[in-house]
Amino acid sequence: MQDMGKVMGIVSKELAGQADGKTISSIVKAKLSS
């Protein structure tokens, strides 16, 4: 989870306009906590 900000920044920039931030956040959180 300490790397969530780094991952969110990259993914959000890559998927700009194609995905909702809330959806991206929940997927990143699920992947990093497992």
All heavy atoms as atom14 arrays in JSON, in Angstrom:
{
  "sequence": "MQDMGKVMGIVSKELAGQADGKTISSIVKAKLSS",
  "atom14_mask": [
    [1, 1, 1, 1, 1, 1, 1, 1, 0, 0, 0, 0, 0, 0],
    [1, 1, 1, 1, 1, 1, 1, 1, 1, 0, 0, 0, 0, 0],
    [1, 1, 1, 1, 1, 1, 1, 1, 0, 0, 0, 0, 0, 0],
    [1, 1, 1, 1, 1, 1, 1, 1, 0, 0, 0, 0, 0, 0],
    [1, 1, 1, 1, 0, 0, 0, 0, 0, 0, 0, 0, 0, 0],
    [1, 1, 1, 1, 1, 1, 1, 1, 1, 0, 0, 0, 0, 0],
    [1, 1, 1, 1, 1, 1, 1, 0, 0, 0, 0, 0, 0, 0],
    [1, 1, 1, 1, 1, 1, 1, 1, 0, 0, 0, 0, 0, 0],
    [1, 1, 1, 1, 0, 0, 0, 0, 0, 0, 0, 0, 0, 0],
    [1, 1, 1, 1, 1, 1, 1, 1, 0, 0, 0, 0, 0, 0],
    [1, 1, 1, 1, 1, 1, 1, 0, 0, 0, 0, 0, 0, 0],
    [1, 1, 1, 1, 1, 1, 0, 0, 0, 0, 0, 0, 0, 0],
    [1, 1, 1, 1, 1, 1, 1, 1, 1, 0, 0, 0, 0, 0],
    [1, 1, 1, 1, 1, 1, 1, 1, 1, 0, 0, 0, 0, 0],
    [1, 1, 1, 1, 1, 1, 1, 1, 0, 0, 0, 0, 0, 0],
    [1, 1, 1, 1, 1, 0, 0, 0, 0, 0, 0, 0, 0, 0],
    [1, 1, 1, 1, 0, 0, 0, 0, 0, 0, 0, 0, 0, 0],
    [1, 1, 1, 1, 1, 1, 1, 1, 1, 0, 0, 0, 0, 0],
    [1, 1, 1, 1, 1, 0, 0, 0, 0, 0, 0, 0, 0, 0],
    [1, 1, 1, 1, 1, 1, 1, 1, 0, 0, 0, 0, 0, 0],
    [1, 1, 1, 1, 0, 0, 0, 0, 0, 0, 0, 0, 0, 0],
    [1, 1, 1, 1, 1, 1, 1, 1, 1, 0, 0, 0, 0, 0],
    [1, 1, 1, 1, 1, 1, 1, 0, 0, 0, 0, 0, 0, 0],
    [1, 1, 1, 1, 1, 1, 1, 1, 0, 0, 0, 0, 0, 0],
    [1, 1, 1, 1, 1, 1, 0, 0, 0, 0, 0, 0, 0, 0],
    [1, 1, 1, 1, 1, 1, 0, 0, 0, 0, 0, 0, 0, 0],
    [1, 1, 1, 1, 1, 1, 1, 1, 0, 0, 0, 0, 0, 0],
    [1, 1, 1, 1, 1, 1, 1, 0, 0, 0, 0, 0, 0, 0],
    [1, 1, 1, 1, 1, 1, 1, 1, 1, 0, 0, 0, 0, 0],
    [1, 1, 1, 1, 1, 0, 0, 0, 0, 0, 0, 0, 0, 0],
    [1, 1, 1, 1, 1, 1, 1, 1, 1, 0, 0, 0, 0, 0],
    [1, 1, 1, 1, 1, 1, 1, 1, 0, 0, 0, 0, 0, 0],
    [1, 1, 1, 1, 1, 1, 0, 0, 0, 0, 0, 0, 0, 0],
    [1, 1, 1, 1, 1, 1, 0, 0, 0, 0, 0, 0, 0, 0]
  ],
  "atom14_positions": [
    [[0.81, -1.22, 0.0], [0.0, 0.0, 0.0], [0.85, 1.27, 0.0], [0.39, 2.32, -0.44], [-0.96, 0.0, 1.2], [-2.07, -1.04, 1.09], [-3.06, -0.89, -0.41], [-3.94, 0.62, -0.05], [0.0, 0.0, 0.0], [0.0, 0.0, 0.0], [0.0, 0.0, 0.0], [0.0, 0.0, 0.0], [0.0, 0.0, 0.0], [0.0, 0.0, 0.0]],
    [[2.09, 1.19, 0.49], [2.96, 2.38, 0.5], [3.28, 2.85, -0.91], [3.67, 3.99, -1.11], [4.25, 2.12, 1.31], [5.23, 1.16, 0.65], [4.99, -0.31, 1.0], [3.95, -0.65, 1.55], [5.94, -1.16, 0.68], [0.0, 0.0, 0.0], [0.0, 0.0, 0.0], [0.0, 0.0, 0.0], [0.0, 0.0, 0.0], [0.0, 0.0, 0.0]],
    [[3.1, 1.97, -1.9], [3.38, 2.32, -3.29], [2.12, 2.74, -4.06], [2.17, 2.94, -5.27], [4.02, 1.13, -4.01], [5.37, 0.77, -3.44], [6.13, 1.7, -3.1], [5.65, -0.44, -3.31], [0.0, 0.0, 0.0], [0.0, 0.0, 0.0], [0.0, 0.0, 0.0], [0.0, 0.0, 0.0], [0.0, 0.0, 0.0], [0.0, 0.0, 0.0]],
    [[1.0, 2.87, -3.37], [-0.27, 3.17, -4.05], [-0.21, 4.5, -4.81], [-0.68, 4.59, -5.93], [-1.43, 3.19, -3.06], [-2.75, 3.42, -3.75], [-4.12, 2.98, -2.72], [-5.47, 3.46, -3.76], [0.0, 0.0, 0.0], [0.0, 0.0, 0.0], [0.0, 0.0, 0.0], [0.0, 0.0, 0.0], [0.0, 0.0, 0.0], [0.0, 0.0, 0.0]],
    [[0.36, 5.51, -4.2], [0.43, 6.83, -4.86], [1.19, 6.78, -6.17], [0.78, 7.37, -7.17], [0.0, 0.0, 0.0], [0.0, 0.0, 0.0], [0.0, 0.0, 0.0], [0.0, 0.0, 0.0], [0.0, 0.0, 0.0], [0.0, 0.0, 0.0], [0.0, 0.0, 0.0], [0.0, 0.0, 0.0], [0.0, 0.0, 0.0], [0.0, 0.0, 0.0]],
    [[2.31, 6.05, -6.16], [3.14, 5.93, -7.36], [2.36, 5.22, -8.47], [2.33, 5.68, -9.61], [4.42, 5.16, -7.0], [5.36, 4.95, -8.16], [6.72, 4.37, -7.79], [6.71, 3.3, -6.76], [8.02, 2.64, -6.6], [0.0, 0.0, 0.0], [0.0, 0.0, 0.0], [0.0, 0.0, 0.0], [0.0, 0.0, 0.0], [0.0, 0.0, 0.0]],
    [[1.72, 4.11, -8.11], [0.96, 3.33, -9.09], [-0.24, 4.14, -9.6], [-0.5, 4.19, -10.81], [0.5, 1.98, -8.49], [-0.41, 1.24, -9.45], [1.7, 1.12, -8.12], [0.0, 0.0, 0.0], [0.0, 0.0, 0.0], [0.0, 0.0, 0.0], [0.0, 0.0, 0.0], [0.0, 0.0, 0.0], [0.0, 0.0, 0.0], [0.0, 0.0, 0.0]],
    [[-0.96, 4.79, -8.69], [-2.13, 5.59, -9.08], [-1.74, 6.69, -10.06], [-2.45, 6.94, -11.04], [-2.79, 6.22, -7.85], [-3.72, 5.32, -7.09], [-5.16, 4.81, -8.04], [-5.99, 6.37, -8.32], [0.0, 0.0, 0.0], [0.0, 0.0, 0.0], [0.0, 0.0, 0.0], [0.0, 0.0, 0.0], [0.0, 0.0, 0.0], [0.0, 0.0, 0.0]],
    [[-0.62, 7.36, -9.79], [-0.18, 8.44, -10.67], [0.07, 7.97, -12.09], [-0.39, 8.59, -13.05], [0.0, 0.0, 0.0], [0.0, 0.0, 0.0], [0.0, 0.0, 0.0], [0.0, 0.0, 0.0], [0.0, 0.0, 0.0], [0.0, 0.0, 0.0], [0.0, 0.0, 0.0], [0.0, 0.0, 0.0], [0.0, 0.0, 0.0], [0.0, 0.0, 0.0]],
    [[0.76, 6.86, -12.2], [1.1, 6.32, -13.53], [-0.15, 5.84, -14.26], [-0.37, 6.16, -15.43], [2.13, 5.17, -13.41], [3.45, 5.72, -12.85], [2.34, 4.49, -14.75], [4.44, 4.66, -12.43], [0.0, 0.0, 0.0], [0.0, 0.0, 0.0], [0.0, 0.0, 0.0], [0.0, 0.0, 0.0], [0.0, 0.0, 0.0], [0.0, 0.0, 0.0]],
    [[-0.99, 5.05, -13.55], [-2.19, 4.49, -14.18], [-3.17, 5.6, -14.55], [-3.75, 5.59, -15.64], [-2.87, 3.44, -13.26], [-4.19, 2.98, -13.84], [-1.95, 2.25, -13.05], [0.0, 0.0, 0.0], [0.0, 0.0, 0.0], [0.0, 0.0, 0.0], [0.0, 0.0, 0.0], [0.0, 0.0, 0.0], [0.0, 0.0, 0.0], [0.0, 0.0, 0.0]],
    [[-3.35, 6.57, -13.65], [-4.29, 7.66, -13.94], [-3.87, 8.46, -15.16], [-4.7, 8.85, -15.98], [-4.39, 8.6, -12.73], [-4.95, 7.92, -11.64], [0.0, 0.0, 0.0], [0.0, 0.0, 0.0], [0.0, 0.0, 0.0], [0.0, 0.0, 0.0], [0.0, 0.0, 0.0], [0.0, 0.0, 0.0], [0.0, 0.0, 0.0], [0.0, 0.0, 0.0]],
    [[-2.57, 8.67, -15.3], [-2.06, 9.42, -16.46], [-2.27, 8.6, -17.74], [-2.67, 9.14, -18.76], [-0.58, 9.72, -16.25], [-0.05, 10.82, -17.15], [1.37, 11.19, -16.81], [1.38, 12.1, -15.59], [2.73, 12.58, -15.28], [0.0, 0.0, 0.0], [0.0, 0.0, 0.0], [0.0, 0.0, 0.0], [0.0, 0.0, 0.0], [0.0, 0.0, 0.0]],
    [[-2.01, 7.31, -17.66], [-2.12, 6.43, -18.83], [-3.57, 6.28, -19.28], [-3.85, 6.2, -20.48], [-1.53, 5.05, -18.51], [-1.39, 4.17, -19.71], [-0.69, 2.86, -19.38], [0.15, 2.83, -18.47], [-1.0, 1.87, -20.07], [0.0, 0.0, 0.0], [0.0, 0.0, 0.0], [0.0, 0.0, 0.0], [0.0, 0.0, 0.0], [0.0, 0.0, 0.0]],
    [[-4.5, 6.22, -18.32], [-5.9, 5.99, -18.65], [-6.74, 7.26, -18.59], [-7.96, 7.19, -18.47], [-6.5, 4.94, -17.7], [-5.84, 3.57, -17.68], [-6.53, 2.66, -16.7], [-5.83, 2.95, -19.07], [0.0, 0.0, 0.0], [0.0, 0.0, 0.0], [0.0, 0.0, 0.0], [0.0, 0.0, 0.0], [0.0, 0.0, 0.0], [0.0, 0.0, 0.0]],
    [[-6.11, 8.4, -18.7], [-6.81, 9.68, -18.59], [-8.02, 9.73, -19.52], [-7.9, 9.51, -20.73], [-5.86, 10.83, -18.91], [0.0, 0.0, 0.0], [0.0, 0.0, 0.0], [0.0, 0.0, 0.0], [0.0, 0.0, 0.0], [0.0, 0.0, 0.0], [0.0, 0.0, 0.0], [0.0, 0.0, 0.0], [0.0, 0.0, 0.0], [0.0, 0.0, 0.0]],
    [[-9.18, 9.96, -18.94], [-10.4, 10.07, -19.72], [-11.06, 8.76, -20.06], [-12.2, 8.72, -20.49], [0.0, 0.0, 0.0], [0.0, 0.0, 0.0], [0.0, 0.0, 0.0], [0.0, 0.0, 0.0], [0.0, 0.0, 0.0], [0.0, 0.0, 0.0], [0.0, 0.0, 0.0], [0.0, 0.0, 0.0], [0.0, 0.0, 0.0], [0.0, 0.0, 0.0]],
    [[-10.35, 7.65, -19.86], [-10.9, 6.36, -20.23], [-11.41, 5.57, -19.04], [-12.03, 4.53, -19.21], [-9.84, 5.53, -20.96], [-9.38, 6.15, -22.25], [-8.27, 5.33, -22.89], [-7.37, 4.86, -22.22], [-8.36, 5.16, -24.19], [0.0, 0.0, 0.0], [0.0, 0.0, 0.0], [0.0, 0.0, 0.0], [0.0, 0.0, 0.0], [0.0, 0.0, 0.0]],
    [[-11.12, 6.07, -17.84], [-11.55, 5.35, -16.65], [-11.78, 6.33, -15.51], [-11.09, 7.35, -15.41], [-10.51, 4.31, -16.24], [0.0, 0.0, 0.0], [0.0, 0.0, 0.0], [0.0, 0.0, 0.0], [0.0, 0.0, 0.0], [0.0, 0.0, 0.0], [0.0, 0.0, 0.0], [0.0, 0.0, 0.0], [0.0, 0.0, 0.0], [0.0, 0.0, 0.0]],
    [[-12.7, 5.99, -14.66], [-13.05, 6.79, -13.5], [-12.0, 6.58, -12.4], [-11.55, 5.47, -12.16], [-14.44, 6.32, -13.03], [-14.85, 6.89, -11.72], [-14.84, 8.11, -11.58], [-15.22, 6.1, -10.83], [0.0, 0.0, 0.0], [0.0, 0.0, 0.0], [0.0, 0.0, 0.0], [0.0, 0.0, 0.0], [0.0, 0.0, 0.0], [0.0, 0.0, 0.0]],
    [[-11.58, 7.66, -11.77], [-10.54, 7.6, -10.73], [-10.91, 6.68, -9.58], [-10.06, 5.99, -9.01], [0.0, 0.0, 0.0], [0.0, 0.0, 0.0], [0.0, 0.0, 0.0], [0.0, 0.0, 0.0], [0.0, 0.0, 0.0], [0.0, 0.0, 0.0], [0.0, 0.0, 0.0], [0.0, 0.0, 0.0], [0.0, 0.0, 0.0], [0.0, 0.0, 0.0]],
    [[-12.18, 6.65, -9.22], [-12.64, 5.81, -8.12], [-12.47, 4.32, -8.46], [-12.04, 3.53, -7.63], [-14.12, 6.11, -7.83], [-14.61, 5.59, -6.49], [-16.09, 5.88, -6.28], [-16.33, 7.35, -6.03], [-17.75, 7.63, -5.69], [0.0, 0.0, 0.0], [0.0, 0.0, 0.0], [0.0, 0.0, 0.0], [0.0, 0.0, 0.0], [0.0, 0.0, 0.0]],
    [[-12.76, 3.97, -9.7], [-12.61, 2.59, -10.15], [-11.14, 2.19, -10.16], [-10.77, 1.12, -9.68], [-13.2, 2.41, -11.57], [-14.54, 2.89, -11.57], [-13.18, 0.96, -11.99], [0.0, 0.0, 0.0], [0.0, 0.0, 0.0], [0.0, 0.0, 0.0], [0.0, 0.0, 0.0], [0.0, 0.0, 0.0], [0.0, 0.0, 0.0], [0.0, 0.0, 0.0]],
    [[-10.29, 3.08, -10.69], [-8.85, 2.81, -10.72], [-8.34, 2.62, -9.29], [-7.62, 1.66, -9.01], [-8.08, 3.96, -11.4], [-8.46, 4.06, -12.88], [-6.57, 3.77, -11.26], [-7.9, 5.29, -13.57], [0.0, 0.0, 0.0], [0.0, 0.0, 0.0], [0.0, 0.0, 0.0], [0.0, 0.0, 0.0], [0.0, 0.0, 0.0], [0.0, 0.0, 0.0]],
    [[-8.74, 3.5, -8.4], [-8.29, 3.44, -7.0], [-8.67, 2.13, -6.34], [-7.85, 1.51, -5.66], [-8.89, 4.62, -6.23], [-8.59, 4.52, -4.86], [0.0, 0.0, 0.0], [0.0, 0.0, 0.0], [0.0, 0.0, 0.0], [0.0, 0.0, 0.0], [0.0, 0.0, 0.0], [0.0, 0.0, 0.0], [0.0, 0.0, 0.0], [0.0, 0.0, 0.0]],
    [[-9.91, 1.69, -6.53], [-10.34, 0.45, -5.89], [-9.58, -0.76, -6.44], [-9.23, -1.67, -5.69], [-11.86, 0.25, -6.04], [-12.22, 0.08, -7.38], [0.0, 0.0, 0.0], [0.0, 0.0, 0.0], [0.0, 0.0, 0.0], [0.0, 0.0, 0.0], [0.0, 0.0, 0.0], [0.0, 0.0, 0.0], [0.0, 0.0, 0.0], [0.0, 0.0, 0.0]],
    [[-9.3, -0.77, -7.74], [-8.55, -1.89, -8.33], [-7.1, -1.88, -7.84], [-6.55, -2.93, -7.48], [-8.63, -1.84, -9.87], [-10.06, -2.13, -10.32], [-7.66, -2.83, -10.51], [-10.31, -1.92, -11.8], [0.0, 0.0, 0.0], [0.0, 0.0, 0.0], [0.0, 0.0, 0.0], [0.0, 0.0, 0.0], [0.0, 0.0, 0.0], [0.0, 0.0, 0.0]],
    [[-6.47, -0.7, -7.8], [-5.09, -0.6, -7.32], [-5.02, -1.05, -5.87], [-4.13, -1.83, -5.49], [-4.54, 0.85, -7.48], [-3.23, 1.01, -6.75], [-4.38, 1.2, -8.95], [0.0, 0.0, 0.0], [0.0, 0.0, 0.0], [0.0, 0.0, 0.0], [0.0, 0.0, 0.0], [0.0, 0.0, 0.0], [0.0, 0.0, 0.0], [0.0, 0.0, 0.0]],
    [[-5.96, -0.6, -5.07], [-5.99, -0.96, -3.65], [-6.12, -2.48, -3.49], [-5.42, -3.08, -2.68], [-7.18, -0.26, -2.97], [-7.03, -0.08, -1.48], [-8.17, 0.73, -0.91], [-7.98, 2.19, -1.23], [-8.99, 3.06, -0.64], [0.0, 0.0, 0.0], [0.0, 0.0, 0.0], [0.0, 0.0, 0.0], [0.0, 0.0, 0.0], [0.0, 0.0, 0.0]],
    [[-7.0, -3.1, -4.26], [-7.22, -4.54, -4.19], [-5.95, -5.31, -4.59], [-5.58, -6.3, -3.95], [-8.38, -4.96, -5.07], [0.0, 0.0, 0.0], [0.0, 0.0, 0.0], [0.0, 0.0, 0.0], [0.0, 0.0, 0.0], [0.0, 0.0, 0.0], [0.0, 0.0, 0.0], [0.0, 0.0, 0.0], [0.0, 0.0, 0.0], [0.0, 0.0, 0.0]],
    [[-5.29, -4.84, -5.65], [-4.09, -5.53, -6.13], [-2.91, -5.38, -5.18], [-2.13, -6.32, -4.99], [-3.69, -5.04, -7.54], [-4.67, -5.41, -8.61], [-4.7, -6.9, -8.8], [-5.75, -7.31, -9.78], [-5.93, -8.76, -9.84], [0.0, 0.0, 0.0], [0.0, 0.0, 0.0], [0.0, 0.0, 0.0], [0.0, 0.0, 0.0], [0.0, 0.0, 0.0]],
    [[-2.75, -4.2, -4.58], [-1.61, -3.97, -3.7], [-1.81, -4.59, -2.32], [-0.83, -4.9, -1.64], [-1.33, -2.47, -3.55], [-0.75, -1.78, -4.78], [-0.6, -0.3, -4.54], [0.59, -2.39, -5.18], [0.0, 0.0, 0.0], [0.0, 0.0, 0.0], [0.0, 0.0, 0.0], [0.0, 0.0, 0.0], [0.0, 0.0, 0.0], [0.0, 0.0, 0.0]],
    [[-3.04, -4.78, -1.9], [-3.27, -5.34, -0.57], [-3.32, -6.87, -0.6], [-3.34, -7.5, 0.45], [-4.56, -4.78, 0.04], [-5.67, -5.13, -0.76], [0.0, 0.0, 0.0], [0.0, 0.0, 0.0], [0.0, 0.0, 0.0], [0.0, 0.0, 0.0], [0.0, 0.0, 0.0], [0.0, 0.0, 0.0], [0.0, 0.0, 0.0], [0.0, 0.0, 0.0]],
    [[-3.34, -7.47, -1.78], [-3.4, -8.94, -1.84], [-2.02, -9.56, -1.93], [-1.04, -8.96, -2.21], [-4.23, -9.39, -3.04], [-3.68, -8.92, -4.24], [0.0, 0.0, 0.0], [0.0, 0.0, 0.0], [0.0, 0.0, 0.0], [0.0, 0.0, 0.0], [0.0, 0.0, 0.0], [0.0, 0.0, 0.0], [0.0, 0.0, 0.0], [0.0, 0.0, 0.0]]
  ]
}
